[in-house]
């Protein structure tokens, strides 16, 4: 009887281990992909908060809240420097892929300014469409004559 109880405990332990392993495998964080592999602004923007979090983490540990040895402080400073460089690269890439990213990344904009900017963009589009239409009309008219 004692041996049977021990087997049941072993089996329960194995099941628990399998459950915990599956749980930890499912909850693993996705690693940031290399910048050159991302093709759209949305893919790049997805990872920018991750870099900001890394910068905040380093700043928190460098703020003097904890007493770290000198080598640890140097390590955090290097990590912070790299994260700041990465942030500049990623934002630059996001702007290159999606020029509207600049306006999306700014903070609060009043409703009136938003509406003025939207009206200005609409006017620019109308001018571009009119110029394009004139070019098409001239091209068609020139061929017909």
Protein backbone atom coordinates (compact mmCIF):
# COMPACT_ATOMS: atom_id res chain seq x y z
CA UNK A 1 0.00 0.00 0.00
CA UNK A 2 2.83 2.39 0.89
CA UNK A 3 4.57 1.74 -2.44
CA UNK A 4 1.34 2.44 -4.35
CA UNK A 5 0.88 5.78 -2.61
CA UNK A 6 4.45 6.70 -3.50
CA UNK A 7 3.79 5.91 -7.19
CA UNK A 8 0.72 8.15 -7.15
CA UNK A 9 2.82 10.98 -5.67
CA UNK A 10 5.45 10.49 -8.37
CA UNK A 11 2.83 10.54 -11.11
CA UNK A 12 1.25 13.68 -9.67
CA UNK A 13 4.67 15.32 -9.56
CA UNK A 14 5.34 14.40 -13.18
CA UNK A 15 1.97 15.77 -14.27
CA UNK A 16 2.59 18.97 -12.33
CA UNK A 17 6.00 19.33 -13.96
CA UNK A 18 4.49 18.84 -17.43
CA UNK A 19 1.76 21.39 -16.68
CA UNK A 20 4.27 23.95 -15.41
CA UNK A 21 6.56 23.40 -18.39
CA UNK A 22 3.66 23.96 -20.80
CA UNK A 23 2.61 27.07 -18.85
CA UNK A 24 6.13 28.57 -18.98
CA UNK A 25 6.55 27.72 -22.67
CA UNK A 26 3.30 29.53 -23.47
CA UNK A 27 4.21 32.60 -21.46
CA UNK A 28 7.69 33.15 -22.92
CA UNK A 29 8.19 36.66 -24.20
CA UNK A 30 8.82 37.14 -27.87
CA UNK A 31 12.30 38.46 -28.62
CA UNK A 32 12.77 41.67 -30.57
CA UNK A 33 13.64 40.80 -34.19
CA UNK A 34 16.60 42.43 -35.97
CA UNK A 35 15.67 45.83 -37.38
CA UNK A 36 16.66 44.97 -40.96
CA UNK A 37 14.11 42.14 -41.09
CA UNK A 38 11.11 44.44 -40.54
CA UNK A 39 9.47 45.80 -43.68
CA UNK A 40 6.62 48.04 -42.49
CA UNK A 41 6.30 50.97 -40.14
CA UNK A 42 3.72 49.11 -38.06
CA UNK A 43 6.13 46.22 -37.44
CA UNK A 44 8.84 48.63 -36.33
CA UNK A 45 6.47 50.70 -34.14
CA UNK A 46 5.35 47.52 -32.37
CA UNK A 47 8.79 47.16 -30.75
CA UNK A 48 9.48 50.78 -29.80
CA UNK A 49 7.64 50.51 -26.43
CA UNK A 50 9.83 47.49 -25.67
CA UNK A 51 12.95 49.64 -26.12
CA UNK A 52 11.42 52.43 -24.02
CA UNK A 53 10.78 49.89 -21.27
CA UNK A 54 14.39 48.80 -21.39
CA UNK A 55 15.51 52.43 -21.08
CA UNK A 56 13.18 52.95 -18.10
CA UNK A 57 14.49 49.78 -16.48
CA UNK A 58 18.09 50.97 -16.76
CA UNK A 59 17.24 54.47 -15.54
CA UNK A 60 15.42 53.02 -12.52
CA UNK A 61 18.44 50.95 -11.53
CA UNK A 62 20.82 53.87 -12.08
CA UNK A 63 18.67 56.27 -10.06
CA UNK A 64 20.34 55.28 -6.81
CA UNK A 65 17.38 53.41 -5.38
CA UNK A 66 19.65 50.45 -4.78
CA UNK A 67 23.29 50.28 -3.84
CA UNK A 68 25.07 48.46 -6.61
CA UNK A 69 28.78 47.76 -6.92
CA UNK A 70 30.67 49.89 -9.44
CA UNK A 71 30.83 47.16 -12.10
CA UNK A 72 27.04 46.81 -12.00
CA UNK A 73 26.55 50.55 -12.45
CA UNK A 74 28.91 50.50 -15.45
CA UNK A 75 26.96 47.56 -16.87
CA UNK A 76 23.65 49.43 -16.55
CA UNK A 77 25.17 52.57 -18.11
CA UNK A 78 26.39 50.56 -21.11
CA UNK A 79 23.02 48.88 -21.41
CA UNK A 80 21.29 52.27 -21.24
CA UNK A 81 23.59 53.69 -23.93
CA UNK A 82 22.86 50.75 -26.24
CA UNK A 83 19.10 51.02 -25.63
CA UNK A 84 19.16 54.74 -26.43
CA UNK A 85 21.06 54.07 -29.67
CA UNK A 86 18.58 51.32 -30.56
CA UNK A 87 15.68 53.68 -29.86
CA UNK A 88 17.11 56.29 -32.25
CA UNK A 89 17.66 53.65 -34.95
CA UNK A 90 14.18 52.18 -34.58
CA UNK A 91 12.42 55.55 -34.59
CA UNK A 92 14.47 56.60 -37.63
CA UNK A 93 13.51 53.41 -39.42
CA UNK A 94 9.83 53.88 -38.47
CA UNK A 95 9.91 57.41 -39.90
CA UNK A 96 11.62 56.19 -43.07
CA UNK A 97 9.00 53.48 -43.60
CA UNK A 98 6.03 55.59 -42.46
CA UNK A 99 6.53 59.38 -42.65
CA UNK A 100 3.25 59.94 -40.78
CA UNK A 101 4.86 58.30 -37.73
CA UNK A 102 6.13 61.69 -36.54
CA UNK A 103 2.63 63.06 -36.14
CA UNK A 104 1.43 59.80 -34.57
CA UNK A 105 4.18 59.75 -31.96
CA UNK A 106 3.61 63.27 -30.64
CA UNK A 107 1.52 63.75 -27.56
CA UNK A 108 -1.71 65.66 -27.20
CA UNK A 109 -2.88 67.80 -30.09
CA UNK A 110 -5.93 70.01 -29.70
CA UNK A 111 -9.01 69.26 -31.76
CA UNK A 112 -8.78 72.57 -33.60
CA UNK A 113 -5.15 71.95 -34.64
CA UNK A 114 -6.01 68.40 -35.72
CA UNK A 115 -8.88 69.68 -37.86
CA UNK A 116 -6.70 72.43 -39.36
CA UNK A 117 -4.00 69.91 -40.23
CA UNK A 118 -6.57 67.54 -41.76
CA UNK A 119 -8.05 70.39 -43.83
CA UNK A 120 -4.56 71.38 -45.01
CA UNK A 121 -3.75 67.79 -46.04
CA UNK A 122 -7.09 67.55 -47.87
CA UNK A 123 -6.34 70.80 -49.74
CA UNK A 124 -2.90 69.49 -50.73
CA UNK A 125 -4.46 66.27 -52.00
CA UNK A 126 -7.03 68.22 -54.03
CA UNK A 127 -4.22 70.31 -55.60
CA UNK A 128 -2.24 67.17 -56.43
CA UNK A 129 -5.29 65.47 -57.93
CA UNK A 130 -6.12 68.57 -59.98
CA UNK A 131 -2.54 68.79 -61.29
CA UNK A 132 -2.59 65.09 -62.11
CA UNK A 133 -5.91 65.44 -63.89
CA UNK A 134 -4.57 68.40 -65.93
CA UNK A 135 -1.52 66.34 -66.88
CA UNK A 136 -3.74 63.46 -67.95
CA UNK A 137 -6.03 65.80 -69.93
CA UNK A 138 -3.06 67.41 -71.67
CA UNK A 139 -1.59 64.01 -72.43
CA UNK A 140 -4.89 62.75 -73.87
CA UNK A 141 -5.55 66.02 -75.71
CA UNK A 142 -2.03 66.06 -77.12
CA UNK A 143 -2.40 62.52 -78.48
CA UNK A 144 -5.84 63.19 -80.02
CA UNK A 145 -4.67 66.34 -81.86
